[in-house]
């Protein structure tokens, strides 16, 4: 039996025991949910000949206009070569603009163009609609619990980036 700690209903800590089969079902649910979550954007991206790496780049450039390439590398956790390939396509297609840093000329700061903003909005709306429907069906307590589970699964460096994104919303 696998063991995890989870918050108890009365504010105290209670042990949560899950069988391997229950954990396996959770893993499978994540796989299928991710497939559903990415299906709508994948169809949109296919029209442009793009993949999920392009989607992630557009998303995070849109969330942090002016971010530099090193910061984007850190957020995405990809190689410089991989990101350069993605950025080259997005820049050539007029979706992303790369500007030389004002303080450090070696830095490149990234911004979505109007076309890039439109693509980002289309991709995000597709995912928001799916999440909105799922959250509505699951209910408030499930939404809070789901977020806690996702945050608990993040690596520490991912938590830092996630929290930085959350601060922008407040």
Protein backbone atom coordinates (compact mmCIF):
# COMPACT_ATOMS: atom_id res chain seq x y z
CA UNK A 1 0.00 0.00 0.00
CA UNK A 2 1.24 3.48 -0.87
CA UNK A 3 1.09 6.20 1.74
CA UNK A 4 0.62 9.93 1.41
CA UNK A 5 -0.24 12.70 3.83
CA UNK A 6 -3.24 14.79 3.00
CA UNK A 7 -4.97 17.54 4.90
CA UNK A 8 -7.80 16.31 7.08
CA UNK A 9 -11.27 17.83 7.03
CA UNK A 10 -10.90 19.35 10.53
CA UNK A 11 -7.64 21.17 9.84
CA UNK A 12 -5.43 18.37 11.19
CA UNK A 13 -3.25 15.99 9.25
CA UNK A 14 -4.75 12.62 8.40
CA UNK A 15 -3.05 9.75 6.64
CA UNK A 16 -4.45 8.91 3.25
CA UNK A 17 -3.87 5.31 2.18
CA UNK A 18 -4.16 4.53 -1.51
CA UNK A 19 -3.69 1.16 -3.09
CA UNK A 20 -1.38 0.74 -6.06
CA UNK A 21 -4.48 0.19 -8.21
CA UNK A 22 -6.00 3.50 -7.05
CA UNK A 23 -2.73 5.27 -7.83
CA UNK A 24 -2.58 3.56 -11.25
CA UNK A 25 -6.11 4.79 -11.99
CA UNK A 26 -5.06 8.32 -11.01
CA UNK A 27 -2.07 8.11 -13.35
CA UNK A 28 -4.25 6.88 -16.19
CA UNK A 29 -6.79 9.62 -15.51
CA UNK A 30 -3.97 12.18 -15.80
CA UNK A 31 -2.88 10.70 -19.15
CA UNK A 32 -6.40 10.80 -20.59
CA UNK A 33 -7.18 14.24 -19.11
CA UNK A 34 -3.99 15.63 -20.61
CA UNK A 35 -4.91 14.15 -23.97
CA UNK A 36 -8.30 15.87 -23.78
CA UNK A 37 -6.79 19.12 -22.48
CA UNK A 38 -4.37 19.30 -25.42
CA UNK A 39 -6.73 18.02 -28.14
CA UNK A 40 -8.40 21.34 -28.93
CA UNK A 41 -5.16 23.35 -29.11
CA UNK A 42 -3.51 20.56 -31.12
CA UNK A 43 -6.21 20.94 -33.79
CA UNK A 44 -5.62 24.70 -33.91
CA UNK A 45 -1.82 24.31 -34.00
CA UNK A 46 -2.04 21.75 -36.80
CA UNK A 47 -3.38 24.47 -39.14
CA UNK A 48 -0.08 26.33 -38.66
CA UNK A 49 2.18 23.28 -38.75
CA UNK A 50 3.04 23.85 -35.07
CA UNK A 51 3.28 21.51 -32.12
CA UNK A 52 2.94 21.72 -28.36
CA UNK A 53 6.37 23.33 -27.93
CA UNK A 54 5.13 26.27 -30.00
CA UNK A 55 2.00 26.43 -27.85
CA UNK A 56 3.99 26.51 -24.61
CA UNK A 57 6.31 29.23 -25.96
CA UNK A 58 3.39 31.38 -27.15
CA UNK A 59 1.60 30.87 -23.83
CA UNK A 60 4.50 31.92 -21.62
CA UNK A 61 5.63 34.79 -23.86
CA UNK A 62 2.04 36.03 -23.71
CA UNK A 63 1.98 35.69 -19.91
CA UNK A 64 5.32 37.47 -19.46
CA UNK A 65 5.78 39.97 -22.29
CA UNK A 66 9.41 41.03 -22.57
CA UNK A 67 10.71 37.84 -20.98
CA UNK A 68 14.19 36.97 -22.10
CA UNK A 69 15.25 33.75 -23.75
CA UNK A 70 17.04 32.46 -20.63
CA UNK A 71 13.94 32.92 -18.50
CA UNK A 72 11.82 31.13 -21.10
CA UNK A 73 14.37 28.29 -21.19
CA UNK A 74 14.05 27.98 -17.43
CA UNK A 75 10.25 27.98 -17.48
CA UNK A 76 9.96 25.45 -20.31
CA UNK A 77 12.81 23.21 -19.23
CA UNK A 78 13.99 22.62 -22.80
CA UNK A 79 17.36 22.88 -24.50
CA UNK A 80 18.49 26.12 -26.08
CA UNK A 81 18.65 24.37 -29.46
CA UNK A 82 15.07 23.16 -29.15
CA UNK A 83 13.77 26.57 -28.07
CA UNK A 84 15.70 28.35 -30.83
CA UNK A 85 14.05 26.12 -33.43
CA UNK A 86 10.60 26.96 -32.06
CA UNK A 87 11.33 30.69 -31.71
CA UNK A 88 12.78 30.89 -35.21
CA UNK A 89 9.52 29.56 -36.67
CA UNK A 90 7.35 31.85 -34.54
CA UNK A 91 9.45 34.90 -35.42
CA UNK A 92 9.58 34.06 -39.15
CA UNK A 93 5.80 33.60 -39.16
CA UNK A 94 5.27 36.99 -37.52
CA UNK A 95 3.85 35.72 -34.22
CA UNK A 96 6.76 36.66 -31.94
CA UNK A 97 9.03 39.68 -31.98
CA UNK A 98 12.56 39.47 -30.57
CA UNK A 99 14.04 42.74 -29.32
CA UNK A 100 17.61 43.40 -28.23
CA UNK A 101 17.90 44.21 -24.52
CA UNK A 102 18.31 47.86 -23.60
CA UNK A 103 20.71 47.19 -20.71
CA UNK A 104 22.39 44.05 -22.06
CA UNK A 105 22.66 43.93 -25.84
CA UNK A 106 23.26 40.15 -25.67
CA UNK A 107 19.78 39.54 -24.29
CA UNK A 108 16.78 39.01 -26.52
CA UNK A 109 13.39 40.00 -25.11
CA UNK A 110 10.32 38.30 -26.54
CA UNK A 111 6.90 39.76 -27.27
CA UNK A 112 3.83 38.45 -29.05
CA UNK A 113 2.81 40.40 -32.13
CA UNK A 114 -0.88 41.13 -32.73
CA UNK A 115 -1.09 37.87 -34.70
CA UNK A 116 0.67 36.05 -31.87
CA UNK A 117 -1.77 37.50 -29.34
CA UNK A 118 -4.69 36.33 -31.47
CA UNK A 119 -3.27 32.79 -31.67
CA UNK A 120 -2.57 32.73 -27.94
CA UNK A 121 -6.13 33.88 -27.21
CA UNK A 122 -7.60 31.19 -29.46
CA UNK A 123 -5.49 28.45 -27.86
CA UNK A 124 -6.15 29.65 -24.32
CA UNK A 125 -9.88 30.03 -24.84
CA UNK A 126 -10.12 26.44 -26.04
CA UNK A 127 -8.42 25.24 -22.88
CA UNK A 128 -10.31 27.61 -20.59
CA UNK A 129 -13.62 26.36 -21.99
CA UNK A 130 -12.67 22.75 -21.26
CA UNK A 131 -11.40 23.58 -17.76
CA UNK A 132 -14.40 25.79 -17.00
CA UNK A 133 -16.78 22.95 -17.89
CA UNK A 134 -14.79 20.41 -15.87
CA UNK A 135 -14.54 22.69 -12.84
CA UNK A 136 -18.25 23.48 -13.01
CA UNK A 137 -19.09 19.77 -13.06
CA UNK A 138 -16.62 18.86 -10.29
CA UNK A 139 -17.59 21.62 -7.87
CA UNK A 140 -15.69 24.11 -5.70
CA UNK A 141 -14.12 21.65 -3.25
CA UNK A 142 -12.83 19.44 -6.07
CA UNK A 143 -11.29 22.45 -7.81
CA UNK A 144 -9.33 23.44 -4.69
CA UNK A 145 -8.27 19.83 -4.10
CA UNK A 146 -7.19 19.36 -7.71
CA UNK A 147 -5.00 22.47 -7.56
CA UNK A 148 -3.40 21.24 -4.33
CA UNK A 149 -2.63 17.88 -5.93
CA UNK A 150 -1.10 19.53 -9.01
CA UNK A 151 1.04 21.87 -6.89
CA UNK A 152 2.21 18.96 -4.74
CA UNK A 153 3.36 17.12 -7.88
CA UNK A 154 5.48 20.05 -9.14
CA UNK A 155 9.25 20.07 -8.79
CA UNK A 156 10.55 22.96 -6.63
CA UNK A 157 11.76 25.00 -9.64
CA UNK A 158 8.35 24.58 -11.27
CA UNK A 159 6.63 25.82 -8.10
CA UNK A 160 8.77 28.98 -8.25
CA UNK A 161 7.66 29.68 -11.84
CA UNK A 162 4.03 28.78 -11.06
CA UNK A 163 3.94 31.10 -8.05
CA UNK A 164 5.52 33.90 -10.07
CA UNK A 165 2.72 33.52 -12.64
CA UNK A 166 0.09 33.55 -9.88
CA UNK A 167 1.45 36.81 -8.41
CA UNK A 168 0.74 38.55 -11.74
CA UNK A 169 -2.96 37.74 -11.36
CA UNK A 170 -3.29 39.37 -7.93
